[in-house]
Structures are given as structure tokens and as C-alpha cells.
Amino acid sequence: EGNEPGDSMKITYRELLHKVCQFANILRSQGVKKGDRVSIYLPMILELVIAMLACARIGALHSVVFAGFSADSLCERILDCSCSLLIT
């Protein structure tokens, strides 16, 4: 369920697994590997969950940054964790 009332989406475990595997392959093609750090800057949508699970699937550490933060706050968090990729 999203932030707005009535904003919802249904997905099966099979569909979720398929999307997570697809995104994990995209991360690998971008050079992300086990132990790398990835920052995720997304609102509360399905793609946030998919990105988190894809990072976990390949062994990359992820840091979720609240989508309401300013560019400066985002920059500080990226530098603090030395991330190699930002998902937005």
C-alpha cells in the first residue's frame, strides 16, 4: 500500500521473485558486486522493495534514504557510506 488512501498494488511471490532477479542482473551489469554499498532514494513504492531485495540477493549492502530529504542531505549520506551506486 502506498502513502495515499486507495493507492495499492498486488503482486504474487512469483512475480516479485522475477522482478528481483531482473533487477539483481541489472545491478550486476552496472558492476555492483558482493560487499558493495548502494544507496536507494525512492518513495514508498514497490520498486523500493524490489531494489532492497535485489541488493540482498547479490550481497550488496543497501542504505535507504527517505525520498523527502534534500540534495545536500542525500549527498552527505552517500559520502558517509561510500556507496558505489545510487538508485532513484
Protein backbone atom coordinates (compact mmCIF):
# COMPACT_ATOMS: atom_id res chain seq x y z
CA GLU A 1 0.00 0.00 0.00
CA GLY A 2 1.20 3.46 -0.86
CA ASN A 3 1.01 6.73 1.03
CA GLU A 4 -2.32 7.77 -0.48
CA PRO A 5 -5.54 6.01 0.59
CA GLY A 6 -6.60 3.65 -2.15
CA ASP A 7 -3.10 3.57 -3.66
CA SER A 8 -2.28 -0.12 -3.59
CA MET A 9 -0.88 -2.85 -5.79
CA LYS A 10 -1.00 -6.63 -5.63
CA ILE A 11 1.86 -8.87 -6.68
CA THR A 12 2.45 -12.59 -6.29
CA TYR A 13 5.61 -14.06 -4.80
CA ARG A 14 6.50 -15.44 -8.22
CA GLU A 15 6.17 -12.00 -9.86
CA LEU A 16 8.20 -10.45 -7.06
CA LEU A 17 10.96 -13.04 -7.43
CA HIS A 18 11.06 -12.45 -11.19
CA LYS A 19 11.36 -8.66 -10.76
CA VAL A 20 14.01 -9.01 -8.03
CA CYS A 21 16.10 -11.35 -10.21
CA GLN A 22 15.79 -8.96 -13.16
CA PHE A 23 16.92 -6.01 -11.07
CA ALA A 24 19.75 -8.01 -9.49
CA ASN A 25 21.02 -8.73 -13.01
CA ILE A 26 20.81 -5.01 -13.84
CA LEU A 27 22.85 -4.20 -10.72
CA ARG A 28 25.44 -6.80 -11.70
CA SER A 29 25.64 -5.32 -15.21
CA GLN A 30 26.39 -1.95 -13.59
CA GLY A 31 29.33 -3.53 -11.76
CA VAL A 32 27.74 -3.95 -8.33
CA LYS A 33 29.10 -6.99 -6.52
CA LYS A 34 29.02 -8.59 -3.09
CA GLY A 35 30.08 -6.15 -0.38
CA ASP A 36 29.46 -3.01 -2.45
CA ARG A 37 27.29 -0.26 -0.96
CA VAL A 38 24.19 1.01 -2.73
CA SER A 39 22.02 3.97 -1.73
CA ILE A 40 18.32 3.85 -2.54
CA TYR A 41 16.46 7.18 -2.83
CA LEU A 42 12.85 6.24 -3.57
CA PRO A 43 9.39 6.90 -2.13
CA MET A 44 7.33 4.06 -0.63
CA ILE A 45 6.66 2.20 -3.88
CA LEU A 46 7.06 -1.40 -4.99
CA GLU A 47 10.36 -0.62 -6.72
CA LEU A 48 11.89 0.26 -3.33
CA VAL A 49 11.22 -3.26 -2.06
CA ILE A 50 12.49 -4.77 -5.31
CA ALA A 51 15.72 -2.74 -5.11
CA MET A 52 16.31 -3.72 -1.47
CA LEU A 53 15.74 -7.42 -2.17
CA ALA A 54 17.91 -7.30 -5.31
CA CYS A 55 20.78 -5.82 -3.27
CA ALA A 56 20.36 -8.54 -0.66
CA ARG A 57 20.24 -11.19 -3.39
CA ILE A 58 23.68 -10.27 -4.73
CA GLY A 59 25.16 -9.50 -1.30
CA ALA A 60 25.39 -5.73 -1.69
CA LEU A 61 24.73 -3.53 1.32
CA HIS A 62 21.93 -1.03 0.87
CA SER A 63 21.07 2.22 2.57
CA VAL A 64 17.54 3.57 2.15
CA VAL A 65 17.35 7.38 2.18
CA PHE A 66 13.93 8.94 2.77
CA ALA A 67 12.75 10.49 -0.50
CA GLY A 68 11.86 13.78 1.23
CA PHE A 69 15.49 14.61 2.10
CA SER A 70 17.21 17.49 0.34
CA ALA A 71 20.03 17.05 -2.16
CA ASP A 72 22.59 18.09 0.47
CA SER A 73 21.30 15.52 2.96
CA LEU A 74 21.36 12.84 0.28
CA CYS A 75 24.92 13.82 -0.65
CA GLU A 76 26.07 13.54 2.97
CA ARG A 77 24.61 10.06 3.31
CA ILE A 78 26.16 8.91 0.04
CA LEU A 79 29.58 10.13 1.13
CA ASP A 80 29.21 8.68 4.64
CA CYS A 81 28.57 5.17 3.38
CA SER A 82 30.90 5.40 0.35
CA CYS A 83 28.25 3.97 -1.93
CA SER A 84 29.10 2.91 -5.46
CA LEU A 85 25.59 3.36 -6.91
CA LEU A 86 22.51 5.48 -6.26
CA ILE A 87 19.10 4.10 -7.19
CA THR A 88 16.49 6.81 -7.69
